[in-house]
Amino acid sequence: MTFFGSSIGDPGDPNFDEAQIIAREVAKMGIEIIDGGGQGVMSAATIGAKDVNGKTAAVYYNPKFATTFEGPSVLNVAGKVYKESNYIERTRKLLELGDAYIIFNGGTGTISEFGMAWGLARLYFGHHKPLILYGYFWHYIVEEFRRRMKIRPEDLEVFRIASKPEDVTKAINVYDLALEKNRHEHKECHDDECRLFL
């Protein structure tokens, strides 16, 4: 499961603490925890998984010109590391590696990741990777999208909103049925696109 969220936050911040708890519980289910290799939610995800000897992976890049991008954190030490050439490739790899996505509160980077994950879910509806939006505030954001944007009814079917850590594991268990039903080899698909859906 790929964790997306703010790079701002330390232990004691609810965003950090809940990401750590959720990663711990998800890792106990045997699911690899994947994040962007940075601080905040990303670091919390790696720490949470490592608390229970779970599998971890981090995807990062070292920006040369994006001076406002924090890059990898020395505190985020994952079991596997992937280094990409730029922000777009990093996002693509995060989307590719995860069999599911969870999106916490964050800034513009998180918004872009959310947009890509939601767009992919809509494009590959029925074979999309599960998408969980974490935090009650998502209800307000989604409602505004529904009211102000040209959102189709089925666009709202590709994600679940979880407000408590235990809601995430429940959502994963519900999604497991869909994962088993939809995960199969696409014999007609032999390129990178195959990695973006189930």
N, C-alpha and C. Protein backbone atom coordinates (compact mmCIF):
# COMPACT_ATOMS: atom_id res chain seq x y z
N MET A 1 0.85 -1.18 0.00
CA MET A 1 0.00 0.00 0.00
C MET A 1 0.89 1.23 0.00
N THR A 2 0.61 2.17 -0.90
CA THR A 2 1.38 3.40 -0.97
C THR A 2 0.73 4.47 -0.11
N PHE A 3 1.54 5.10 0.75
CA PHE A 3 1.10 6.19 1.62
C PHE A 3 1.48 7.52 1.00
N PHE A 4 0.50 8.39 0.84
CA PHE A 4 0.73 9.75 0.37
C PHE A 4 0.30 10.72 1.47
N GLY A 5 1.03 11.81 1.65
CA GLY A 5 0.65 12.79 2.66
C GLY A 5 1.75 13.79 2.89
N SER A 6 1.50 14.70 3.81
CA SER A 6 2.40 15.81 4.06
C SER A 6 3.77 15.37 4.56
N SER A 7 4.79 16.10 4.13
CA SER A 7 6.14 15.89 4.65
C SER A 7 6.35 16.68 5.94
N ILE A 8 5.35 17.47 6.32
CA ILE A 8 5.43 18.27 7.54
C ILE A 8 4.75 17.51 8.67
N GLY A 9 5.45 17.36 9.78
CA GLY A 9 4.86 16.68 10.93
C GLY A 9 5.84 15.73 11.58
N ASP A 10 5.79 15.72 12.89
CA ASP A 10 6.65 14.86 13.70
C ASP A 10 5.77 14.08 14.67
N PRO A 11 6.36 13.14 15.43
CA PRO A 11 5.57 12.45 16.44
C PRO A 11 4.84 13.45 17.33
N GLY A 12 3.56 13.17 17.58
CA GLY A 12 2.73 14.11 18.33
C GLY A 12 1.75 14.83 17.43
N ASP A 13 2.09 14.95 16.15
CA ASP A 13 1.16 15.50 15.16
C ASP A 13 0.18 14.38 14.78
N PRO A 14 -1.15 14.64 14.82
CA PRO A 14 -2.12 13.58 14.51
C PRO A 14 -1.91 12.92 13.16
N ASN A 15 -1.54 13.71 12.16
CA ASN A 15 -1.29 13.16 10.82
C ASN A 15 -0.17 12.12 10.87
N PHE A 16 0.91 12.45 11.57
CA PHE A 16 2.05 11.55 11.72
C PHE A 16 1.66 10.32 12.53
N ASP A 17 1.06 10.55 13.69
CA ASP A 17 0.75 9.45 14.61
C ASP A 17 -0.22 8.45 13.98
N GLU A 18 -1.25 8.96 13.30
CA GLU A 18 -2.22 8.05 12.71
C GLU A 18 -1.65 7.32 11.51
N ALA A 19 -0.77 7.95 10.75
CA ALA A 19 -0.10 7.26 9.64
C ALA A 19 0.76 6.12 10.18
N GLN A 20 1.44 6.36 11.31
CA GLN A 20 2.27 5.32 11.91
C GLN A 20 1.41 4.14 12.39
N ILE A 21 0.31 4.45 13.06
CA ILE A 21 -0.60 3.40 13.55
C ILE A 21 -1.15 2.58 12.38
N ILE A 22 -1.60 3.28 11.34
CA ILE A 22 -2.20 2.59 10.20
C ILE A 22 -1.16 1.72 9.49
N ALA A 23 0.03 2.26 9.29
CA ALA A 23 1.09 1.47 8.64
C ALA A 23 1.41 0.23 9.44
N ARG A 24 1.43 0.36 10.75
CA ARG A 24 1.70 -0.79 11.62
C ARG A 24 0.63 -1.87 11.41
N GLU A 25 -0.64 -1.46 11.41
CA GLU A 25 -1.74 -2.42 11.28
C GLU A 25 -1.79 -3.03 9.89
N VAL A 26 -1.53 -2.23 8.88
CA VAL A 26 -1.54 -2.73 7.50
C VAL A 26 -0.37 -3.69 7.29
N ALA A 27 0.79 -3.36 7.82
CA ALA A 27 1.97 -4.23 7.69
C ALA A 27 1.73 -5.58 8.37
N LYS A 28 0.98 -5.57 9.46
CA LYS A 28 0.63 -6.84 10.14
C LYS A 28 -0.18 -7.75 9.23
N MET A 29 -0.86 -7.16 8.26
CA MET A 29 -1.67 -7.94 7.31
C MET A 29 -0.81 -8.52 6.19
N GLY A 30 0.51 -8.28 6.26
CA GLY A 30 1.42 -8.80 5.25
C GLY A 30 1.55 -7.92 4.02
N ILE A 31 1.05 -6.68 4.12
CA ILE A 31 1.07 -5.76 2.98
C ILE A 31 2.31 -4.87 3.07
N GLU A 32 3.04 -4.75 1.98
CA GLU A 32 4.22 -3.89 1.96
C GLU A 32 3.80 -2.42 2.05
N ILE A 33 4.54 -1.65 2.84
CA ILE A 33 4.28 -0.23 3.02
C ILE A 33 5.26 0.55 2.15
N ILE A 34 4.72 1.40 1.29
CA ILE A 34 5.52 2.15 0.31
C ILE A 34 5.26 3.64 0.53
N ASP A 35 6.30 4.44 0.45
CA ASP A 35 6.13 5.89 0.58
C ASP A 35 7.20 6.62 -0.20
N GLY A 36 7.13 7.93 -0.15
CA GLY A 36 8.02 8.76 -0.95
C GLY A 36 9.39 9.05 -0.36
N GLY A 37 9.74 8.39 0.73
CA GLY A 37 11.08 8.50 1.28
C GLY A 37 11.37 9.77 2.05
N GLY A 38 10.35 10.61 2.25
CA GLY A 38 10.57 11.87 2.94
C GLY A 38 10.17 11.83 4.40
N GLN A 39 9.91 13.02 4.95
CA GLN A 39 9.54 13.15 6.36
C GLN A 39 8.02 13.08 6.51
N GLY A 40 7.53 13.42 7.70
CA GLY A 40 6.10 13.49 7.95
C GLY A 40 5.40 12.15 7.79
N VAL A 41 4.31 12.14 7.04
CA VAL A 41 3.53 10.92 6.82
C VAL A 41 4.39 9.81 6.25
N MET A 42 5.30 10.17 5.36
CA MET A 42 6.15 9.16 4.73
C MET A 42 7.04 8.45 5.74
N SER A 43 7.70 9.23 6.57
CA SER A 43 8.56 8.66 7.61
C SER A 43 7.72 7.85 8.60
N ALA A 44 6.54 8.37 8.96
CA ALA A 44 5.66 7.67 9.89
C ALA A 44 5.26 6.31 9.34
N ALA A 45 5.01 6.24 8.03
CA ALA A 45 4.61 4.98 7.40
C ALA A 45 5.73 3.94 7.51
N THR A 46 6.94 4.36 7.20
CA THR A 46 8.08 3.43 7.30
C THR A 46 8.29 2.98 8.73
N ILE A 47 8.25 3.92 9.67
CA ILE A 47 8.46 3.58 11.09
C ILE A 47 7.38 2.61 11.57
N GLY A 48 6.12 2.90 11.23
CA GLY A 48 5.03 2.04 11.65
C GLY A 48 5.19 0.61 11.17
N ALA A 49 5.55 0.46 9.90
CA ALA A 49 5.74 -0.89 9.35
C ALA A 49 6.92 -1.59 10.00
N LYS A 50 8.01 -0.85 10.23
CA LYS A 50 9.19 -1.46 10.84
C LYS A 50 8.95 -1.84 12.30
N ASP A 51 7.99 -1.16 12.95
CA ASP A 51 7.64 -1.52 14.34
C ASP A 51 7.22 -2.98 14.45
N VAL A 52 6.65 -3.51 13.36
CA VAL A 52 6.16 -4.91 13.38
C VAL A 52 6.92 -5.77 12.37
N ASN A 53 8.15 -5.34 12.03
CA ASN A 53 8.99 -6.05 11.07
C ASN A 53 8.33 -6.23 9.71
N GLY A 54 7.53 -5.22 9.32
CA GLY A 54 6.87 -5.27 8.03
C GLY A 54 7.80 -4.89 6.90
N LYS A 55 7.35 -5.18 5.68
CA LYS A 55 8.13 -4.85 4.48
C LYS A 55 7.92 -3.38 4.13
N THR A 56 9.01 -2.70 3.77
CA THR A 56 8.94 -1.28 3.45
C THR A 56 9.70 -0.97 2.16
N ALA A 57 9.23 0.05 1.47
CA ALA A 57 9.93 0.55 0.28
C ALA A 57 9.75 2.06 0.23
N ALA A 58 10.78 2.75 -0.24
CA ALA A 58 10.72 4.20 -0.39
C ALA A 58 11.17 4.57 -1.80
N VAL A 59 10.46 5.54 -2.37
CA VAL A 59 10.77 6.02 -3.71
C VAL A 59 11.09 7.51 -3.59
N TYR A 60 12.26 7.91 -4.06
CA TYR A 60 12.64 9.31 -3.92
C TYR A 60 13.41 9.78 -5.14
N TYR A 61 13.69 11.06 -5.16
CA TYR A 61 14.65 11.60 -6.11
C TYR A 61 15.34 12.78 -5.45
N ASN A 62 16.55 13.07 -5.88
CA ASN A 62 17.32 14.20 -5.36
C ASN A 62 17.17 15.36 -6.32
N PRO A 63 16.38 16.36 -5.95
CA PRO A 63 16.15 17.47 -6.88
C PRO A 63 17.39 18.34 -7.07
N LYS A 64 17.64 18.71 -8.31
CA LYS A 64 18.74 19.64 -8.60
C LYS A 64 18.22 21.06 -8.72
N PHE A 65 17.01 21.19 -9.26
CA PHE A 65 16.47 22.51 -9.54
C PHE A 65 15.20 22.82 -8.75
N ALA A 66 14.51 21.79 -8.25
CA ALA A 66 13.29 21.99 -7.46
C ALA A 66 13.71 22.28 -6.02
N THR A 67 14.10 23.51 -5.79
CA THR A 67 14.72 23.87 -4.50
C THR A 67 13.74 23.84 -3.33
N THR A 68 12.43 23.83 -3.60
CA THR A 68 11.46 23.77 -2.50
C THR A 68 11.04 22.34 -2.18
N PHE A 69 11.57 21.37 -2.91
CA PHE A 69 11.24 19.96 -2.66
C PHE A 69 12.25 19.40 -1.67
N GLU A 70 11.73 18.76 -0.63
CA GLU A 70 12.60 18.34 0.48
C GLU A 70 13.52 17.17 0.16
N GLY A 71 13.16 16.32 -0.80
CA GLY A 71 13.98 15.17 -1.12
C GLY A 71 13.90 14.10 -0.05
N PRO A 72 14.79 13.10 -0.11
CA PRO A 72 14.72 12.00 0.85
C PRO A 72 15.13 12.44 2.26
N SER A 73 14.59 11.74 3.24
CA SER A 73 14.94 12.01 4.64
C SER A 73 15.88 10.93 5.15
N VAL A 74 16.91 11.34 5.86
CA VAL A 74 17.85 10.37 6.45
C VAL A 74 17.17 9.56 7.54
N LEU A 75 16.02 10.03 8.03
CA LEU A 75 15.29 9.31 9.08
C LEU A 75 14.37 8.24 8.50
N ASN A 76 14.16 8.27 7.20
CA ASN A 76 13.26 7.32 6.56
C ASN A 76 14.10 6.23 5.91
N VAL A 77 14.32 5.16 6.64
CA VAL A 77 15.21 4.09 6.18
C VAL A 77 14.36 2.86 5.86
N ALA A 78 14.02 2.69 4.59
CA ALA A 78 13.16 1.59 4.16
C ALA A 78 13.99 0.39 3.74
N GLY A 79 13.33 -0.76 3.68
CA GLY A 79 14.00 -2.00 3.29
C GLY A 79 14.45 -1.99 1.84
N LYS A 80 13.62 -1.42 0.97
CA LYS A 80 13.96 -1.28 -0.45
C LYS A 80 13.90 0.20 -0.81
N VAL A 81 14.78 0.62 -1.69
CA VAL A 81 14.83 2.02 -2.09
C VAL A 81 14.86 2.09 -3.61
N TYR A 82 14.05 3.00 -4.15
CA TYR A 82 14.02 3.26 -5.58
C TYR A 82 14.35 4.73 -5.79
N LYS A 83 15.34 5.00 -6.62
CA LYS A 83 15.71 6.38 -6.92
C LYS A 83 15.27 6.71 -8.33
N GLU A 84 14.43 7.74 -8.46
CA GLU A 84 13.92 8.16 -9.76
C GLU A 84 14.59 9.47 -10.18
N SER A 85 14.38 9.85 -11.43
CA SER A 85 15.09 11.01 -11.98
C SER A 85 14.39 12.34 -11.72
N ASN A 86 13.08 12.33 -11.46
CA ASN A 86 12.36 13.57 -11.24
C ASN A 86 11.04 13.30 -10.50
N TYR A 87 10.33 14.35 -10.18
CA TYR A 87 9.11 14.25 -9.38
C TYR A 87 8.03 13.42 -10.08
N ILE A 88 7.88 13.60 -11.38
CA ILE A 88 6.85 12.87 -12.12
C ILE A 88 7.16 11.38 -12.11
N GLU A 89 8.42 11.02 -12.35
CA GLU A 89 8.80 9.61 -12.34
C GLU A 89 8.66 9.01 -10.95
N ARG A 90 8.95 9.80 -9.93
CA ARG A 90 8.77 9.34 -8.55
C ARG A 90 7.29 9.01 -8.29
N THR A 91 6.41 9.91 -8.70
CA THR A 91 4.98 9.69 -8.51
C THR A 91 4.52 8.46 -9.28
N ARG A 92 4.98 8.33 -10.51
CA ARG A 92 4.62 7.16 -11.32
C ARG A 92 5.03 5.87 -10.63
N LYS A 93 6.24 5.85 -10.07
CA LYS A 93 6.73 4.63 -9.41
C LYS A 93 5.91 4.33 -8.15
N LEU A 94 5.56 5.36 -7.39
CA LEU A 94 4.73 5.16 -6.20
C LEU A 94 3.38 4.57 -6.58
N LEU A 95 2.80 5.04 -7.67
CA LEU A 95 1.52 4.53 -8.13
C LEU A 95 1.65 3.11 -8.67
N GLU A 96 2.76 2.84 -9.30
CA GLU A 96 3.01 1.52 -9.87
C GLU A 96 3.21 0.46 -8.78
N LEU A 97 3.98 0.79 -7.75
CA LEU A 97 4.35 -0.20 -6.74
C LEU A 97 3.19 -0.59 -5.82
N GLY A 98 2.32 0.35 -5.51
CA GLY A 98 1.25 0.07 -4.56
C GLY A 98 0.11 -0.73 -5.18
N ASP A 99 -0.42 -1.71 -4.42
CA ASP A 99 -1.63 -2.40 -4.84
C ASP A 99 -2.86 -1.65 -4.34
N ALA A 100 -2.63 -0.65 -3.49
CA ALA A 100 -3.68 0.21 -2.96
C ALA A 100 -3.01 1.50 -2.53
N TYR A 101 -3.82 2.56 -2.37
CA TYR A 101 -3.29 3.86 -1.99
C TYR A 101 -4.08 4.42 -0.81
N ILE A 102 -3.37 5.10 0.10
CA ILE A 102 -4.03 5.84 1.16
C ILE A 102 -3.48 7.26 1.15
N ILE A 103 -4.38 8.24 1.21
CA ILE A 103 -3.96 9.63 1.07
C ILE A 103 -4.37 10.42 2.30
N PHE A 104 -3.38 10.95 2.99
CA PHE A 104 -3.56 11.74 4.20
C PHE A 104 -3.61 13.23 3.85
N ASN A 105 -3.79 14.04 4.86
CA ASN A 105 -3.74 15.48 4.67
C ASN A 105 -2.35 15.88 4.18
N GLY A 106 -2.30 16.82 3.28
CA GLY A 106 -1.01 17.26 2.76
C GLY A 106 -1.15 18.53 1.95
N GLY A 107 -0.10 18.88 1.24
CA GLY A 107 -0.09 20.12 0.47
C GLY A 107 -0.22 19.86 -1.02
N THR A 108 0.43 20.70 -1.82
CA THR A 108 0.27 20.61 -3.27
C THR A 108 0.78 19.29 -3.84
N GLY A 109 1.85 18.75 -3.26
CA GLY A 109 2.34 17.45 -3.73
C GLY A 109 1.31 16.36 -3.50
N THR A 110 0.70 16.36 -2.32
CA THR A 110 -0.33 15.37 -2.01
C THR A 110 -1.54 15.55 -2.92
N ILE A 111 -1.89 16.80 -3.21
CA ILE A 111 -3.01 17.06 -4.12
C ILE A 111 -2.73 16.46 -5.50
N SER A 112 -1.50 16.62 -5.98
CA SER A 112 -1.16 16.06 -7.30
C SER A 112 -1.21 14.54 -7.27
N GLU A 113 -0.75 13.94 -6.18
CA GLU A 113 -0.77 12.48 -6.05
C GLU A 113 -2.21 11.97 -5.97
N PHE A 114 -3.04 12.69 -5.21
CA PHE A 114 -4.45 12.34 -5.12
C PHE A 114 -5.10 12.39 -6.50
N GLY A 115 -4.83 13.46 -7.26
CA GLY A 115 -5.40 13.59 -8.59
C GLY A 115 -5.02 12.44 -9.50
N MET A 116 -3.76 12.05 -9.46
CA MET A 116 -3.30 10.94 -10.30
C MET A 116 -3.95 9.62 -9.87
N ALA A 117 -3.99 9.36 -8.55
CA ALA A 117 -4.57 8.11 -8.06
C ALA A 117 -6.06 8.04 -8.39
N TRP A 118 -6.76 9.16 -8.22
CA TRP A 118 -8.20 9.19 -8.51
C TRP A 118 -8.43 9.04 -10.02
N GLY A 119 -7.62 9.72 -10.81
CA GLY A 119 -7.74 9.61 -12.26
C GLY A 119 -7.52 8.19 -12.75
N LEU A 120 -6.51 7.51 -12.21
CA LEU A 120 -6.24 6.13 -12.60
C LEU A 120 -7.40 5.21 -12.20
N ALA A 121 -7.93 5.44 -11.00
CA ALA A 121 -9.06 4.62 -10.54
C ALA A 121 -10.24 4.77 -11.49
N ARG A 122 -10.47 5.98 -11.94
CA ARG A 122 -11.58 6.23 -12.87
C ARG A 122 -11.29 5.61 -14.24
N LEU A 123 -10.08 5.74 -14.73
CA LEU A 123 -9.72 5.19 -16.04
C LEU A 123 -9.85 3.68 -16.09
N TYR A 124 -9.45 3.03 -14.99
CA TYR A 124 -9.43 1.56 -14.96
C TYR A 124 -10.52 1.02 -14.05
N PHE A 125 -11.64 1.72 -14.02
CA PHE A 125 -12.75 1.35 -13.15
C PHE A 125 -13.09 -0.14 -13.32
N GLY A 126 -13.20 -0.81 -12.19
CA GLY A 126 -13.45 -2.25 -12.21
C GLY A 126 -12.17 -3.06 -12.05
N HIS A 127 -11.05 -2.48 -12.46
CA HIS A 127 -9.74 -3.11 -12.26
C HIS A 127 -8.80 -2.13 -11.59
N HIS A 128 -9.38 -1.08 -10.99
CA HIS A 128 -8.56 -0.03 -10.38
C HIS A 128 -8.00 -0.50 -9.03
N LYS A 129 -6.92 0.14 -8.64
CA LYS A 129 -6.34 -0.13 -7.33
C LYS A 129 -7.15 0.60 -6.27
N PRO A 130 -7.42 -0.05 -5.13
CA PRO A 130 -8.21 0.58 -4.08
C PRO A 130 -7.61 1.90 -3.62
N LEU A 131 -8.49 2.87 -3.36
CA LEU A 131 -8.09 4.21 -2.97
C LEU A 131 -8.82 4.58 -1.68
N ILE A 132 -8.05 4.89 -0.64
CA ILE A 132 -8.62 5.29 0.65
C ILE A 132 -8.17 6.71 0.95
N LEU A 133 -9.13 7.57 1.24
CA LEU A 133 -8.85 8.95 1.63
C LEU A 133 -8.97 9.00 3.14
N TYR A 134 -7.89 9.42 3.82
CA TYR A 134 -7.89 9.35 5.28
C TYR A 134 -8.15 10.72 5.91
N GLY A 135 -9.22 10.78 6.68
CA GLY A 135 -9.56 12.00 7.41
C GLY A 135 -10.96 12.46 7.04
N TYR A 136 -11.71 12.90 8.05
CA TYR A 136 -13.10 13.30 7.81
C TYR A 136 -13.18 14.49 6.86
N PHE A 137 -12.15 15.34 6.83
CA PHE A 137 -12.16 16.53 5.98
C PHE A 137 -12.37 16.19 4.51
N TRP A 138 -12.03 14.96 4.10
CA TRP A 138 -12.20 14.57 2.70
C TRP A 138 -13.67 14.65 2.28
N HIS A 139 -14.60 14.44 3.21
CA HIS A 139 -16.02 14.54 2.86
C HIS A 139 -16.33 15.93 2.29
N TYR A 140 -15.77 16.96 2.92
CA TYR A 140 -16.03 18.33 2.47
C TYR A 140 -15.39 18.59 1.11
N ILE A 141 -14.17 18.10 0.93
CA ILE A 141 -13.46 18.30 -0.34
C ILE A 141 -14.18 17.59 -1.48
N VAL A 142 -14.56 16.35 -1.26
CA VAL A 142 -15.24 15.57 -2.29
C VAL A 142 -16.59 16.20 -2.62
N GLU A 143 -17.29 16.69 -1.59
CA GLU A 143 -18.59 17.34 -1.83
C GLU A 143 -18.42 18.58 -2.70
N GLU A 144 -17.36 19.35 -2.47
CA GLU A 144 -17.12 20.53 -3.31
C GLU A 144 -16.78 20.13 -4.74
N PHE A 145 -15.99 19.07 -4.89
CA PHE A 145 -15.72 18.57 -6.24
C PHE A 145 -17.03 18.18 -6.91
N ARG A 146 -17.87 17.48 -6.18
CA ARG A 146 -19.15 17.02 -6.74
C ARG A 146 -20.02 18.19 -7.17
N ARG A 147 -20.04 19.24 -6.34
CA ARG A 147 -20.89 20.40 -6.61
C ARG A 147 -20.33 21.31 -7.69
N ARG A 148 -19.02 21.47 -7.71
CA ARG A 148 -18.41 22.51 -8.56
C ARG A 148 -17.78 21.98 -9.85
N MET A 149 -17.43 20.71 -9.87
CA MET A 149 -16.74 20.15 -11.03
C MET A 149 -17.67 19.20 -11.78
N LYS A 150 -17.23 18.75 -12.94
CA LYS A 150 -18.04 17.84 -13.76
C LYS A 150 -17.72 16.39 -13.37
N ILE A 151 -18.15 16.03 -12.18
CA ILE A 151 -17.87 14.71 -11.63
C ILE A 151 -19.03 13.77 -11.96
N ARG A 152 -18.69 12.62 -12.53
CA ARG A 152 -19.71 11.61 -12.83
C ARG A 152 -20.01 10.82 -11.56
N PRO A 153 -21.21 10.25 -11.43
CA PRO A 153 -21.53 9.46 -10.24
C PRO A 153 -20.53 8.33 -9.98
N GLU A 154 -20.08 7.66 -11.04
CA GLU A 154 -19.15 6.54 -10.84
C GLU A 154 -17.78 6.99 -10.36
N ASP A 155 -17.44 8.27 -10.57
CA ASP A 155 -16.17 8.79 -10.07
C ASP A 155 -16.10 8.70 -8.55
N LEU A 156 -17.25 8.75 -7.91
CA LEU A 156 -17.32 8.73 -6.44
C LEU A 156 -17.34 7.31 -5.89
N GLU A 157 -17.36 6.32 -6.77
CA GLU A 157 -17.41 4.93 -6.33
C GLU A 157 -16.03 4.29 -6.18
N VAL A 158 -14.99 4.98 -6.61
CA VAL A 158 -13.67 4.35 -6.67
C VAL A 158 -12.85 4.54 -5.40
N PHE A 159 -13.39 5.26 -4.41
CA PHE A 159 -12.64 5.46 -3.17
C PHE A 159 -13.55 5.29 -1.97
N ARG A 160 -12.90 5.13 -0.81
CA ARG A 160 -13.59 5.13 0.48
C ARG A 160 -12.92 6.18 1.35
N ILE A 161 -13.71 6.80 2.21
CA ILE A 161 -13.15 7.76 3.16
C ILE A 161 -13.12 7.09 4.52
N ALA A 162 -11.95 7.11 5.15
CA ALA A 162 -11.76 6.52 6.49
C ALA A 162 -11.40 7.64 7.45
N SER A 163 -12.04 7.64 8.61
CA SER A 163 -11.79 8.70 9.60
C SER A 163 -11.01 8.24 10.81
N LYS A 164 -10.90 6.92 11.00
CA LYS A 164 -10.16 6.36 12.14
C LYS A 164 -9.27 5.24 11.63
N PRO A 165 -8.16 4.97 12.33
CA PRO A 165 -7.28 3.89 11.86
C PRO A 165 -7.99 2.57 11.63
N GLU A 166 -8.92 2.21 12.50
CA GLU A 166 -9.61 0.93 12.32
C GLU A 166 -10.48 0.90 11.07
N ASP A 167 -10.91 2.09 10.60
CA ASP A 167 -11.69 2.15 9.36
C ASP A 167 -10.86 1.73 8.16
N VAL A 168 -9.55 1.95 8.24
CA VAL A 168 -8.67 1.61 7.11
C VAL A 168 -8.58 0.10 6.95
N THR A 169 -8.36 -0.61 8.05
CA THR A 169 -8.26 -2.07 7.93
C THR A 169 -9.59 -2.67 7.49
N LYS A 170 -10.70 -2.08 7.94
CA LYS A 170 -12.02 -2.54 7.48
C LYS A 170 -12.16 -2.33 5.98
N ALA A 171 -11.74 -1.16 5.50
CA ALA A 171 -11.82 -0.87 4.07
C ALA A 171 -10.96 -1.84 3.27
N ILE A 172 -9.78 -2.15 3.77
CA ILE A 172 -8.90 -3.10 3.07
C ILE A 172 -9.56 -4.47 2.99
N ASN A 173 -10.19 -4.89 4.08
CA ASN A 173 -10.86 -6.19 4.08
C ASN A 173 -12.00 -6.22 3.06
N VAL A 174 -12.73 -5.12 2.94
CA VAL A 174 -13.79 -5.03 1.93
C VAL A 174 -13.18 -5.07 0.53
N TYR A 175 -12.10 -4.33 0.35
CA TYR A 175 -11.43 -4.29 -0.95
C TYR A 175 -10.81 -5.63 -1.31
N ASP A 176 -10.43 -6.43 -0.31
CA ASP A 176 -9.79 -7.71 -0.59
C ASP A 176 -10.60 -8.57 -1.54
N LEU A 177 -11.91 -8.53 -1.39
CA LEU A 177 -12.77 -9.31 -2.29
C LEU A 177 -12.60 -8.82 -3.73
N ALA A 178 -12.58 -7.51 -3.89
CA ALA A 178 -12.40 -6.94 -5.22
C ALA A 178 -11.00 -7.22 -5.75
N LEU A 179 -10.01 -7.15 -4.86
CA LEU A 179 -8.64 -7.42 -5.27
C LEU A 179 -8.50 -8.84 -5.82
N GLU A 180 -9.10 -9.80 -5.10
CA GLU A 180 -9.01 -11.19 -5.54
C GLU A 180 -9.76 -11.38 -6.86
N LYS A 181 -10.90 -10.71 -6.98
CA LYS A 181 -11.70 -10.84 -8.19
C LYS A 181 -11.00 -10.19 -9.38
N ASN A 182 -10.38 -9.03 -9.15
CA ASN A 182 -9.85 -8.25 -10.26
C ASN A 182 -8.38 -8.49 -10.56
N ARG A 183 -7.62 -9.05 -9.60
CA ARG A 183 -6.19 -9.24 -9.85
C ARG A 183 -6.00 -10.48 -10.73
N HIS A 184 -5.55 -10.25 -11.90
CA HIS A 184 -5.23 -11.34 -12.82
C HIS A 184 -4.25 -10.81 -13.84
N GLU A 185 -3.65 -11.71 -14.56
CA GLU A 185 -2.69 -11.28 -15.57
C GLU A 185 -3.43 -10.78 -16.79
N HIS A 186 -3.00 -9.65 -17.30
CA HIS A 186 -3.57 -9.10 -18.52
C HIS A 186 -2.67 -9.56 -19.66
N LYS A 187 -3.04 -10.70 -20.23
CA LYS A 187 -2.18 -11.29 -21.26
C LYS A 187 -2.01 -10.36 -22.47
N GLU A 188 -3.01 -9.51 -22.68
CA GLU A 188 -2.93 -8.60 -23.82
C GLU A 188 -2.13 -7.35 -23.50
N CYS A 189 -1.70 -7.20 -22.25
CA CYS A 189 -1.00 -5.99 -21.83
C CYS A 189 0.45 -6.34 -21.50
N HIS A 190 1.39 -5.72 -22.21
CA HIS A 190 2.80 -6.06 -22.04
C HIS A 190 3.68 -4.84 -21.80
N ASP A 191 3.08 -3.72 -21.40
CA ASP A 191 3.90 -2.53 -21.21
C ASP A 191 3.69 -1.93 -19.83
N ASP A 192 4.24 -0.74 -19.63
CA ASP A 192 4.18 -0.10 -18.31
C ASP A 192 2.77 0.18 -17.84
N GLU A 193 1.84 0.32 -18.77
CA GLU A 193 0.46 0.62 -18.38
C GLU A 193 -0.12 -0.47 -17.48
N CYS A 194 0.31 -1.71 -17.71
CA CYS A 194 -0.22 -2.83 -16.93
C CYS A 194 0.01 -2.69 -15.43
N ARG A 195 1.03 -1.92 -15.06
CA ARG A 195 1.39 -1.79 -13.65
C ARG A 195 0.51 -0.80 -12.90
N LEU A 196 -0.38 -0.12 -13.60
CA LEU A 196 -1.18 0.93 -13.00
C LEU A 196 -2.60 0.48 -12.66
N PHE A 197 -2.91 -0.79 -12.92
CA PHE A 197 -4.22 -1.32 -12.56
C PHE A 197 -4.07 -2.78 -12.19
N LEU A 198 -5.14 -3.37 -11.65
CA LEU A 198 -5.10 -4.76 -11.21
C LEU A 198 -5.53 -5.70 -12.31
